[in-house]
Amino acid sequence: MSEALPHWLDDVEVRFVHPYQAVKAYLCPHCNRNIPSGTGHVVVVPREAPDLRRHWHKGCWQLTDRQKSARSRTAGG
C-alpha cells in the first residue's frame, strides 16, 4: 500500500476476533481479499466514526500499522 493512509487510522481501537467468533466472511480493505468465516482477524474501529469499522487480515493490519509508525518517525512525530 504505497498511497497515503487514511487519516482515520490515526485514532482507532483494534479488536482481535478469534476464529470461533468469526461467523461471517468479510473483505479486507488492505488487500481486497476475502476473510472467510472461521478465520481469526482484527476489527479496526475509528474512535470518531465507529460505523466505519473494517475487518482486516491480522497480517495486513500489522503491515499497515508498521507503515503508519514509519511515516510517523519520518515526520518527526
PDB file of N, CA and C in Angstrom:
ATOM      1  N   MET A   1       0.856  -1.167   0.000  1.00  0.00           N
ATOM      2  CA  MET A   1       0.000   0.000   0.000  1.00  0.00           C
ATOM      3  C   MET A   1       0.903   1.230   0.000  1.00  0.00           C
ATOM      4  N   SER A   2       1.131   1.807  -1.131  1.00  0.00           N
ATOM      5  CA  SER A   2       2.079   2.896  -1.238  1.00  0.00           C
ATOM      6  C   SER A   2       1.426   4.262  -1.083  1.00  0.00           C
ATOM      7  N   GLU A   3       0.128   4.372  -1.279  1.00  0.00           N
ATOM      8  CA  GLU A   3      -0.539   5.665  -1.141  1.00  0.00           C
ATOM      9  C   GLU A   3      -0.685   6.038   0.327  1.00  0.00           C
ATOM     10  N   ALA A   4      -1.027   7.288   0.556  1.00  0.00           N
ATOM     11  CA  ALA A   4      -1.188   7.770   1.928  1.00  0.00           C
ATOM     12  C   ALA A   4      -2.274   6.976   2.643  1.00  0.00           C
ATOM     13  N   LEU A   5      -2.043   6.738   3.915  1.00  0.00           N
ATOM     14  CA  LEU A   5      -3.023   6.014   4.713  1.00  0.00           C
ATOM     15  C   LEU A   5      -4.144   6.967   5.106  1.00  0.00           C
ATOM     16  N   PRO A   6      -5.371   6.469   5.205  1.00  0.00           N
ATOM     17  CA  PRO A   6      -6.499   7.322   5.604  1.00  0.00           C
ATOM     18  C   PRO A   6      -6.248   7.935   6.985  1.00  0.00           C
ATOM     19  N   HIS A   7      -6.640   9.182   7.151  1.00  0.00           N
ATOM     20  CA  HIS A   7      -6.414   9.887   8.415  1.00  0.00           C
ATOM     21  C   HIS A   7      -7.089   9.195   9.593  1.00  0.00           C
ATOM     22  N   TRP A   8      -8.190   8.469   9.348  1.00  0.00           N
ATOM     23  CA  TRP A   8      -8.896   7.853  10.473  1.00  0.00           C
ATOM     24  C   TRP A   8      -8.111   6.708  11.097  1.00  0.00           C
ATOM     25  N   LEU A   9      -7.022   6.272  10.456  1.00  0.00           N
ATOM     26  CA  LEU A   9      -6.202   5.217  11.047  1.00  0.00           C
ATOM     27  C   LEU A   9      -5.354   5.741  12.204  1.00  0.00           C
ATOM     28  N   ASP A  10      -5.360   7.054  12.417  1.00  0.00           N
ATOM     29  CA  ASP A  10      -4.555   7.627  13.488  1.00  0.00           C
ATOM     30  C   ASP A  10      -5.124   7.360  14.878  1.00  0.00           C
ATOM     31  N   ASP A  11      -6.420   7.242  15.009  1.00  0.00           N
ATOM     32  CA  ASP A  11      -7.037   7.045  16.318  1.00  0.00           C
ATOM     33  C   ASP A  11      -8.096   5.954  16.214  1.00  0.00           C
ATOM     34  N   VAL A  12      -7.661   4.711  16.426  1.00  0.00           N
ATOM     35  CA  VAL A  12      -8.555   3.570  16.261  1.00  0.00           C
ATOM     36  C   VAL A  12      -8.432   2.622  17.443  1.00  0.00           C
ATOM     37  N   GLU A  13      -9.456   1.828  17.607  1.00  0.00           N
ATOM     38  CA  GLU A  13      -9.437   0.711  18.548  1.00  0.00           C
ATOM     39  C   GLU A  13      -9.323  -0.549  17.694  1.00  0.00           C
ATOM     40  N   VAL A  14      -8.410  -1.425  18.063  1.00  0.00           N
ATOM     41  CA  VAL A  14      -8.201  -2.666  17.312  1.00  0.00           C
ATOM     42  C   VAL A  14      -8.622  -3.832  18.195  1.00  0.00           C
ATOM     43  N   ARG A  15      -9.521  -4.647  17.678  1.00  0.00           N
ATOM     44  CA  ARG A  15     -10.030  -5.805  18.424  1.00  0.00           C
ATOM     45  C   ARG A  15      -9.694  -7.076  17.650  1.00  0.00           C
ATOM     46  N   PHE A  16      -9.205  -8.093  18.353  1.00  0.00           N
ATOM     47  CA  PHE A  16      -8.934  -9.378  17.709  1.00  0.00           C
ATOM     48  C   PHE A  16     -10.195 -10.229  17.738  1.00  0.00           C
ATOM     49  N   VAL A  17     -10.529 -10.812  16.608  1.00  0.00           N
ATOM     50  CA  VAL A  17     -11.667 -11.724  16.502  1.00  0.00           C
ATOM     51  C   VAL A  17     -11.107 -13.143  16.410  1.00  0.00           C
ATOM     52  N   HIS A  18     -11.409 -13.966  17.396  1.00  0.00           N
ATOM     53  CA  HIS A  18     -10.947 -15.354  17.396  1.00  0.00           C
ATOM     54  C   HIS A  18     -11.679 -16.150  16.310  1.00  0.00           C
ATOM     55  N   PRO A  19     -11.038 -17.190  15.803  1.00  0.00           N
ATOM     56  CA  PRO A  19     -11.679 -17.976  14.746  1.00  0.00           C
ATOM     57  C   PRO A  19     -13.085 -18.463  15.098  1.00  0.00           C
ATOM     58  N   TYR A  20     -13.298 -18.873  16.344  1.00  0.00           N
ATOM     59  CA  TYR A  20     -14.631 -19.366  16.719  1.00  0.00           C
ATOM     60  C   TYR A  20     -15.673 -18.240  16.767  1.00  0.00           C
ATOM     61  N   GLN A  21     -15.206 -16.988  16.836  1.00  0.00           N
ATOM     62  CA  GLN A  21     -16.123 -15.844  16.856  1.00  0.00           C
ATOM     63  C   GLN A  21     -16.449 -15.340  15.445  1.00  0.00           C
ATOM     64  N   ALA A  22     -15.638 -15.738  14.478  1.00  0.00           N
ATOM     65  CA  ALA A  22     -15.771 -15.221  13.113  1.00  0.00           C
ATOM     66  C   ALA A  22     -16.818 -16.034  12.357  1.00  0.00           C
ATOM     67  N   VAL A  23     -18.055 -15.599  12.442  1.00  0.00           N
ATOM     68  CA  VAL A  23     -19.151 -16.368  11.851  1.00  0.00           C
ATOM     69  C   VAL A  23     -19.552 -15.868  10.458  1.00  0.00           C
ATOM     70  N   LYS A  24     -18.992 -14.738  10.039  1.00  0.00           N
ATOM     71  CA  LYS A  24     -19.293 -14.179   8.713  1.00  0.00           C
ATOM     72  C   LYS A  24     -17.999 -13.982   7.932  1.00  0.00           C
ATOM     73  N   ALA A  25     -18.123 -13.902   6.625  1.00  0.00           N
ATOM     74  CA  ALA A  25     -16.985 -13.573   5.770  1.00  0.00           C
ATOM     75  C   ALA A  25     -16.945 -12.055   5.571  1.00  0.00           C
ATOM     76  N   TYR A  26     -15.745 -11.517   5.434  1.00  0.00           N
ATOM     77  CA  TYR A  26     -15.554 -10.080   5.218  1.00  0.00           C
ATOM     78  C   TYR A  26     -14.525  -9.878   4.118  1.00  0.00           C
ATOM     79  N   LEU A  27     -14.430  -8.652   3.634  1.00  0.00           N
ATOM     80  CA  LEU A  27     -13.439  -8.285   2.635  1.00  0.00           C
ATOM     81  C   LEU A  27     -12.416  -7.360   3.303  1.00  0.00           C
ATOM     82  N   CYS A  28     -11.153  -7.735   3.242  1.00  0.00           N
ATOM     83  CA  CYS A  28     -10.087  -6.936   3.844  1.00  0.00           C
ATOM     84  C   CYS A  28      -9.853  -5.690   2.998  1.00  0.00           C
ATOM     85  N   PRO A  29      -9.888  -4.481   3.598  1.00  0.00           N
ATOM     86  CA  PRO A  29      -9.710  -3.254   2.822  1.00  0.00           C
ATOM     87  C   PRO A  29      -8.278  -3.038   2.353  1.00  0.00           C
ATOM     88  N   HIS A  30      -7.320  -3.760   2.911  1.00  0.00           N
ATOM     89  CA  HIS A  30      -5.931  -3.578   2.509  1.00  0.00           C
ATOM     90  C   HIS A  30      -5.613  -4.358   1.236  1.00  0.00           C
ATOM     91  N   CYS A  31      -5.958  -5.632   1.229  1.00  0.00           N
ATOM     92  CA  CYS A  31      -5.600  -6.484   0.089  1.00  0.00           C
ATOM     93  C   CYS A  31      -6.794  -6.811  -0.809  1.00  0.00           C
ATOM     94  N   ASN A  32      -7.990  -6.408  -0.378  1.00  0.00           N
ATOM     95  CA  ASN A  32      -9.228  -6.687  -1.122  1.00  0.00           C
ATOM     96  C   ASN A  32      -9.469  -8.173  -1.340  1.00  0.00           C
ATOM     97  N   ARG A  33      -9.018  -8.985  -0.395  1.00  0.00           N
ATOM     98  CA  ARG A  33      -9.254 -10.424  -0.469  1.00  0.00           C
ATOM     99  C   ARG A  33     -10.210 -10.826   0.643  1.00  0.00           C
ATOM    100  N   ASN A  34     -10.834 -11.947   0.465  1.00  0.00           N
ATOM    101  CA  ASN A  34     -11.821 -12.468   1.394  1.00  0.00           C
ATOM    102  C   ASN A  34     -11.183 -12.895   2.719  1.00  0.00           C
ATOM    103  N   ILE A  35     -11.889 -12.617   3.801  1.00  0.00           N
ATOM    104  CA  ILE A  35     -11.574 -13.179   5.114  1.00  0.00           C
ATOM    105  C   ILE A  35     -12.698 -14.182   5.380  1.00  0.00           C
ATOM    106  N   PRO A  36     -12.443 -15.466   5.162  1.00  0.00           N
ATOM    107  CA  PRO A  36     -13.519 -16.454   5.313  1.00  0.00           C
ATOM    108  C   PRO A  36     -14.012 -16.575   6.754  1.00  0.00           C
ATOM    109  N   SER A  37     -15.244 -17.004   6.916  1.00  0.00           N
ATOM    110  CA  SER A  37     -15.744 -17.267   8.267  1.00  0.00           C
ATOM    111  C   SER A  37     -14.846 -18.330   8.896  1.00  0.00           C
ATOM    112  N   GLY A  38     -14.678 -18.250  10.193  1.00  0.00           N
ATOM    113  CA  GLY A  38     -13.814 -19.190  10.892  1.00  0.00           C
ATOM    114  C   GLY A  38     -12.342 -18.793  10.876  1.00  0.00           C
ATOM    115  N   THR A  39     -12.035 -17.611  10.348  1.00  0.00           N
ATOM    116  CA  THR A  39     -10.653 -17.128  10.281  1.00  0.00           C
ATOM    117  C   THR A  39     -10.455 -16.000  11.292  1.00  0.00           C
ATOM    118  N   GLY A  40      -9.457 -16.131  12.149  1.00  0.00           N
ATOM    119  CA  GLY A  40      -9.141 -15.065  13.083  1.00  0.00           C
ATOM    120  C   GLY A  40      -8.686 -13.832  12.314  1.00  0.00           C
ATOM    121  N   HIS A  41      -9.080 -12.668  12.780  1.00  0.00           N
ATOM    122  CA  HIS A  41      -8.724 -11.415  12.112  1.00  0.00           C
ATOM    123  C   HIS A  41      -8.898 -10.270  13.100  1.00  0.00           C
ATOM    124  N   VAL A  42      -8.681  -9.050  12.655  1.00  0.00           N
ATOM    125  CA  VAL A  42      -8.873  -7.904  13.539  1.00  0.00           C
ATOM    126  C   VAL A  42      -9.978  -7.009  13.001  1.00  0.00           C
ATOM    127  N   VAL A  43     -10.649  -6.336  13.927  1.00  0.00           N
ATOM    128  CA  VAL A  43     -11.634  -5.318  13.578  1.00  0.00           C
ATOM    129  C   VAL A  43     -11.021  -3.989  14.001  1.00  0.00           C
ATOM    130  N   VAL A  44     -10.941  -3.065  13.065  1.00  0.00           N
ATOM    131  CA  VAL A  44     -10.359  -1.746  13.312  1.00  0.00           C
ATOM    132  C   VAL A  44     -11.519  -0.752  13.346  1.00  0.00           C
ATOM    133  N   VAL A  45     -11.676  -0.097  14.500  1.00  0.00           N
ATOM    134  CA  VAL A  45     -12.812   0.802  14.721  1.00  0.00           C
ATOM    135  C   VAL A  45     -12.305   2.225  14.947  1.00  0.00           C
ATOM    136  N   PRO A  46     -12.563   3.150  14.019  1.00  0.00           N
ATOM    137  CA  PRO A  46     -12.180   4.545  14.251  1.00  0.00           C
ATOM    138  C   PRO A  46     -12.960   5.099  15.444  1.00  0.00           C
ATOM    139  N   ARG A  47     -12.271   5.727  16.372  1.00  0.00           N
ATOM    140  CA  ARG A  47     -12.925   6.249  17.579  1.00  0.00           C
ATOM    141  C   ARG A  47     -13.946   7.342  17.245  1.00  0.00           C
ATOM    142  N   GLU A  48     -13.667   8.143  16.240  1.00  0.00           N
ATOM    143  CA  GLU A  48     -14.576   9.236  15.894  1.00  0.00           C
ATOM    144  C   GLU A  48     -15.702   8.809  14.957  1.00  0.00           C
ATOM    145  N   ALA A  49     -15.591   7.628  14.370  1.00  0.00           N
ATOM    146  CA  ALA A  49     -16.619   7.162  13.428  1.00  0.00           C
ATOM    147  C   ALA A  49     -16.736   5.641  13.507  1.00  0.00           C
ATOM    148  N   PRO A  50     -17.283   5.106  14.606  1.00  0.00           N
ATOM    149  CA  PRO A  50     -17.338   3.652  14.772  1.00  0.00           C
ATOM    150  C   PRO A  50     -18.109   2.920  13.677  1.00  0.00           C
ATOM    151  N   ASP A  51     -18.986   3.632  12.984  1.00  0.00           N
ATOM    152  CA  ASP A  51     -19.730   2.986  11.905  1.00  0.00           C
ATOM    153  C   ASP A  51     -18.831   2.695  10.696  1.00  0.00           C
ATOM    154  N   LEU A  52     -17.606   3.214  10.694  1.00  0.00           N
ATOM    155  CA  LEU A  52     -16.656   2.939   9.613  1.00  0.00           C
ATOM    156  C   LEU A  52     -15.718   1.786   9.947  1.00  0.00           C
ATOM    157  N   ARG A  53     -16.097   0.975  10.944  1.00  0.00           N
ATOM    158  CA  ARG A  53     -15.238  -0.154  11.324  1.00  0.00           C
ATOM    159  C   ARG A  53     -15.023  -1.073  10.117  1.00  0.00           C
ATOM    160  N   ARG A  54     -13.851  -1.693  10.083  1.00  0.00           N
ATOM    161  CA  ARG A  54     -13.495  -2.594   8.995  1.00  0.00           C
ATOM    162  C   ARG A  54     -12.799  -3.827   9.557  1.00  0.00           C
ATOM    163  N   HIS A  55     -12.994  -4.939   8.897  1.00  0.00           N
ATOM    164  CA  HIS A  55     -12.364  -6.204   9.264  1.00  0.00           C
ATOM    165  C   HIS A  55     -11.139  -6.387   8.380  1.00  0.00           C
ATOM    166  N   TRP A  56      -9.994  -6.651   8.997  1.00  0.00           N
ATOM    167  CA  TRP A  56      -8.720  -6.791   8.296  1.00  0.00           C
ATOM    168  C   TRP A  56      -8.104  -8.151   8.600  1.00  0.00           C
ATOM    169  N   HIS A  57      -7.339  -8.695   7.654  1.00  0.00           N
ATOM    170  CA  HIS A  57      -6.455  -9.810   7.982  1.00  0.00           C
ATOM    171  C   HIS A  57      -5.465  -9.282   9.023  1.00  0.00           C
ATOM    172  N   LYS A  58      -5.108 -10.102   9.961  1.00  0.00           N
ATOM    173  CA  LYS A  58      -4.175  -9.659  11.000  1.00  0.00           C
ATOM    174  C   LYS A  58      -2.855  -9.190  10.377  1.00  0.00           C
ATOM    175  N   GLY A  59      -2.341  -9.928   9.422  1.00  0.00           N
ATOM    176  CA  GLY A  59      -1.078  -9.558   8.776  1.00  0.00           C
ATOM    177  C   GLY A  59      -1.181  -8.268   7.990  1.00  0.00           C
ATOM    178  N   CYS A  60      -2.301  -8.040   7.330  1.00  0.00           N
ATOM    179  CA  CYS A  60      -2.494  -6.786   6.589  1.00  0.00           C
ATOM    180  C   CYS A  60      -2.514  -5.608   7.555  1.00  0.00           C
ATOM    181  N   TRP A  61      -3.194  -5.759   8.697  1.00  0.00           N
ATOM    182  CA  TRP A  61      -3.234  -4.673   9.662  1.00  0.00           C
ATOM    183  C   TRP A  61      -1.839  -4.418  10.237  1.00  0.00           C
ATOM    184  N   GLN A  62      -1.099  -5.473  10.549  1.00  0.00           N
ATOM    185  CA  GLN A  62       0.245  -5.292  11.098  1.00  0.00           C
ATOM    186  C   GLN A  62       1.137  -4.560  10.094  1.00  0.00           C
ATOM    187  N   LEU A  63       1.023  -4.884   8.823  1.00  0.00           N
ATOM    188  CA  LEU A  63       1.795  -4.198   7.790  1.00  0.00           C
ATOM    189  C   LEU A  63       1.414  -2.722   7.729  1.00  0.00           C
ATOM    190  N   THR A  64       0.132  -2.419   7.748  1.00  0.00           N
ATOM    191  CA  THR A  64      -0.342  -1.041   7.697  1.00  0.00           C
ATOM    192  C   THR A  64       0.087  -0.275   8.945  1.00  0.00           C
ATOM    193  N   ASP A  65       0.030  -0.935  10.097  1.00  0.00           N
ATOM    194  CA  ASP A  65       0.423  -0.306  11.347  1.00  0.00           C
ATOM    195  C   ASP A  65       1.918   0.019  11.327  1.00  0.00           C
ATOM    196  N   ARG A  66       2.733  -0.872  10.762  1.00  0.00           N
ATOM    197  CA  ARG A  66       4.178  -0.592  10.647  1.00  0.00           C
ATOM    198  C   ARG A  66       4.427   0.572   9.701  1.00  0.00           C
ATOM    199  N   GLN A  67       3.674   0.626   8.595  1.00  0.00           N
ATOM    200  CA  GLN A  67       3.825   1.739   7.654  1.00  0.00           C
ATOM    201  C   GLN A  67       3.467   3.054   8.337  1.00  0.00           C
ATOM    202  N   LYS A  68       2.407   3.023   9.128  1.00  0.00           N
ATOM    203  CA  LYS A  68       1.972   4.235   9.835  1.00  0.00           C
ATOM    204  C   LYS A  68       3.053   4.666  10.828  1.00  0.00           C
ATOM    205  N   SER A  69       3.656   3.728  11.528  1.00  0.00           N
ATOM    206  CA  SER A  69       4.715   4.038  12.508  1.00  0.00           C
ATOM    207  C   SER A  69       5.943   4.606  11.800  1.00  0.00           C
ATOM    208  N   ALA A  70       6.307   4.035  10.665  1.00  0.00           N
ATOM    209  CA  ALA A  70       7.472   4.513   9.926  1.00  0.00           C
ATOM    210  C   ALA A  70       7.241   5.938   9.432  1.00  0.00           C
ATOM    211  N   ARG A  71       6.046   6.224   8.939  1.00  0.00           N
ATOM    212  CA  ARG A  71       5.733   7.586   8.473  1.00  0.00           C
ATOM    213  C   ARG A  71       5.750   8.574   9.628  1.00  0.00           C
ATOM    214  N   SER A  72       5.299   8.129  10.786  1.00  0.00           N
ATOM    215  CA  SER A  72       5.278   8.996  11.958  1.00  0.00           C
ATOM    216  C   SER A  72       6.713   9.330  12.382  1.00  0.00           C
ATOM    217  N   ARG A  73       7.602   8.340  12.374  1.00  0.00           N
ATOM    218  CA  ARG A  73       9.000   8.586  12.735  1.00  0.00           C
ATOM    219  C   ARG A  73       9.661   9.515  11.711  1.00  0.00           C
ATOM    220  N   THR A  74       9.377   9.322  10.439  1.00  0.00           N
ATOM    221  CA  THR A  74       9.949  10.152   9.372  1.00  0.00           C
ATOM    222  C   THR A  74       9.489  11.598   9.506  1.00  0.00           C
ATOM    223  N   ALA A  75       8.243  11.785   9.896  1.00  0.00           N
ATOM    224  CA  ALA A  75       7.677  13.121  10.036  1.00  0.00           C
ATOM    225  C   ALA A  75       8.093  13.781  11.355  1.00  0.00           C
ATOM    226  N   GLY A  76       8.766  13.019  12.203  1.00  0.00           N
ATOM    227  CA  GLY A  76       9.209  13.581  13.474  1.00  0.00           C
ATOM    228  C   GLY A  76       8.195  13.461  14.586  1.00  0.00           C
ATOM    229  N   GLY A  77       7.147  12.644  14.355  1.00  0.00           N
ATOM    230  CA  GLY A  77       6.098  12.529  15.365  1.00  0.00           C
ATOM    231  C   GLY A  77       6.133  11.222  15.945  1.00  0.00           C
TER     232      GLY A  77
END
